Amino acid sequence: MESRKCLECGEILRGRIDQKFCSDYCRNSYNNKINKDSKNLIRNTNNRLRKNYKILTELNSSGKTKVSRSRLYDRGFDFQFFTSIYTTKTGNTYFYVYDQGYLPLENETFLLIKRE
């Protein structure tokens, strides 16, 4: 009979026939290695969204205000990261980071709004 070995450390397994790991530590370690790349992508995306949300919240304390593109850029706002898009019947396109939105206006200006 061939002995079964832990997928992480190679230690011989004793116990259940369908056992793959010798301990919770080895199981967690193995799964963390397998999922590392996708978790990094998700973590980095969430960090960018969190930063954008913080910037919009700080600049829009009244619930509706106008700011320049340079003011957003200077704080590190990344226009590639948002959670949803809303287009009005009149054709205006709002970009949202959760409940904080912005509408591109003319002359490199943005209207910041908070969705109630």
Protein backbone atom coordinates (compact mmCIF):
# COMPACT_ATOMS: atom_id res chain seq x y z
CA MET A 1 0.00 0.00 0.00
CA GLU A 2 1.32 3.44 -0.97
CA SER A 3 1.55 5.88 1.93
CA ARG A 4 -0.24 9.20 1.58
CA LYS A 5 1.70 12.40 2.17
CA CYS A 6 0.76 15.93 3.20
CA LEU A 7 0.46 18.14 0.09
CA GLU A 8 2.36 20.93 1.89
CA CYS A 9 5.19 19.40 3.93
CA GLY A 10 5.29 15.80 2.67
CA GLU A 11 4.78 14.22 6.11
CA ILE A 12 3.09 10.80 6.09
CA LEU A 13 -0.64 11.10 6.82
CA ARG A 14 -2.43 9.00 9.40
CA GLY A 15 -6.20 8.98 9.80
CA ARG A 16 -8.96 9.54 7.31
CA ILE A 17 -8.45 8.07 3.83
CA ASP A 18 -9.39 11.39 2.12
CA GLN A 19 -7.04 13.49 4.29
CA LYS A 20 -4.72 15.78 2.30
CA PHE A 21 -2.87 17.70 5.02
CA CYS A 22 -1.26 16.80 8.34
CA SER A 23 -2.47 19.98 10.11
CA ASP A 24 -4.51 23.15 9.78
CA TYR A 25 -1.25 25.08 9.42
CA CYS A 26 -0.23 23.04 6.34
CA ARG A 27 -3.74 23.31 4.84
CA ASN A 28 -3.76 27.11 5.27
CA SER A 29 -0.20 27.49 4.04
CA TYR A 30 -0.93 25.42 0.91
CA ASN A 31 -4.14 27.31 0.08
CA ASN A 32 -2.48 30.70 0.65
CA LYS A 33 0.23 29.79 -1.88
CA ILE A 34 -2.35 28.62 -4.42
CA ASN A 35 -4.51 31.77 -4.10
CA LYS A 36 -1.72 34.34 -3.70
CA ASP A 37 -1.98 35.97 -7.15
CA SER A 38 -5.76 36.44 -7.15
CA LYS A 39 -5.72 37.70 -3.55
CA ASN A 40 -3.06 40.30 -4.44
CA LEU A 41 -5.18 41.59 -7.33
CA ILE A 42 -8.25 41.87 -5.12
CA ARG A 43 -6.31 43.49 -2.27
CA ASN A 44 -4.70 46.06 -4.59
CA THR A 45 -8.03 46.88 -6.26
CA ASN A 46 -9.77 47.30 -2.91
CA ASN A 47 -6.95 49.55 -1.68
CA ARG A 48 -7.33 51.80 -4.77
CA LEU A 49 -11.12 51.96 -4.32
CA ARG A 50 -10.70 52.74 -0.61
CA LYS A 51 -8.25 55.56 -1.40
CA ASN A 52 -10.54 57.03 -4.09
CA TYR A 53 -13.50 56.87 -1.69
CA LYS A 54 -11.54 58.64 1.05
CA ILE A 55 -10.48 61.42 -1.35
CA LEU A 56 -14.05 61.98 -2.61
CA THR A 57 -15.43 61.97 0.96
CA GLU A 58 -12.85 64.51 2.17
CA LEU A 59 -13.39 66.87 -0.78
CA ASN A 60 -17.20 66.57 -0.70
CA SER A 61 -18.12 67.29 2.92
CA SER A 62 -21.31 69.17 1.98
CA GLY A 63 -22.73 66.42 -0.28
CA LYS A 64 -22.35 68.43 -3.50
CA THR A 65 -19.31 70.44 -4.59
CA LYS A 66 -17.08 71.25 -7.58
CA VAL A 67 -13.35 70.49 -7.75
CA SER A 68 -10.64 70.65 -10.39
CA ARG A 69 -9.02 67.58 -11.93
CA SER A 70 -5.63 68.71 -10.57
CA ARG A 71 -7.01 68.79 -7.01
CA LEU A 72 -8.11 65.16 -7.36
CA TYR A 73 -4.82 64.12 -9.01
CA ASP A 74 -2.74 65.91 -6.36
CA ARG A 75 -4.40 63.77 -3.67
CA GLY A 76 -3.71 60.57 -5.63
CA PHE A 77 -7.17 59.95 -7.14
CA ASP A 78 -7.12 57.21 -9.79
CA PHE A 79 -9.86 57.66 -12.42
CA GLN A 80 -9.57 54.03 -13.54
CA PHE A 81 -11.07 52.70 -10.29
CA PHE A 82 -14.80 53.13 -9.60
CA THR A 83 -17.62 50.79 -8.59
CA SER A 84 -20.47 51.83 -10.90
CA ILE A 85 -21.57 54.16 -13.69
CA TYR A 86 -24.91 55.94 -13.91
CA THR A 87 -26.08 57.67 -17.08
CA THR A 88 -29.00 60.09 -16.75
CA LYS A 89 -31.79 60.53 -19.31
CA THR A 90 -30.08 63.73 -20.45
CA GLY A 91 -26.85 61.82 -21.17
CA ASN A 92 -24.75 62.85 -18.17
CA THR A 93 -22.48 60.03 -16.98
CA TYR A 94 -21.75 59.84 -13.25
CA PHE A 95 -18.97 57.61 -11.96
CA TYR A 96 -19.42 56.24 -8.45
CA VAL A 97 -17.11 54.85 -5.80
CA TYR A 98 -19.78 53.27 -3.62
CA ASP A 99 -22.06 56.22 -2.66
CA GLN A 100 -19.61 58.98 -3.66
CA GLY A 101 -19.94 60.08 -7.27
CA TYR A 102 -18.37 62.49 -9.71
CA LEU A 103 -19.52 64.00 -12.97
CA PRO A 104 -16.93 65.31 -15.44
CA LEU A 105 -17.79 68.91 -16.40
CA GLU A 106 -16.09 71.28 -18.83
CA ASN A 107 -12.73 72.95 -18.17
CA GLU A 108 -11.25 69.98 -16.26
CA THR A 109 -13.81 70.42 -13.46
CA PHE A 110 -15.80 67.74 -11.65
CA LEU A 111 -19.06 67.89 -9.76
CA LEU A 112 -18.80 65.68 -6.65
CA ILE A 113 -22.05 64.31 -5.26
CA LYS A 114 -23.13 61.88 -2.58
CA ARG A 115 -25.91 59.42 -3.43
CA GLU A 116 -28.55 59.47 -0.70
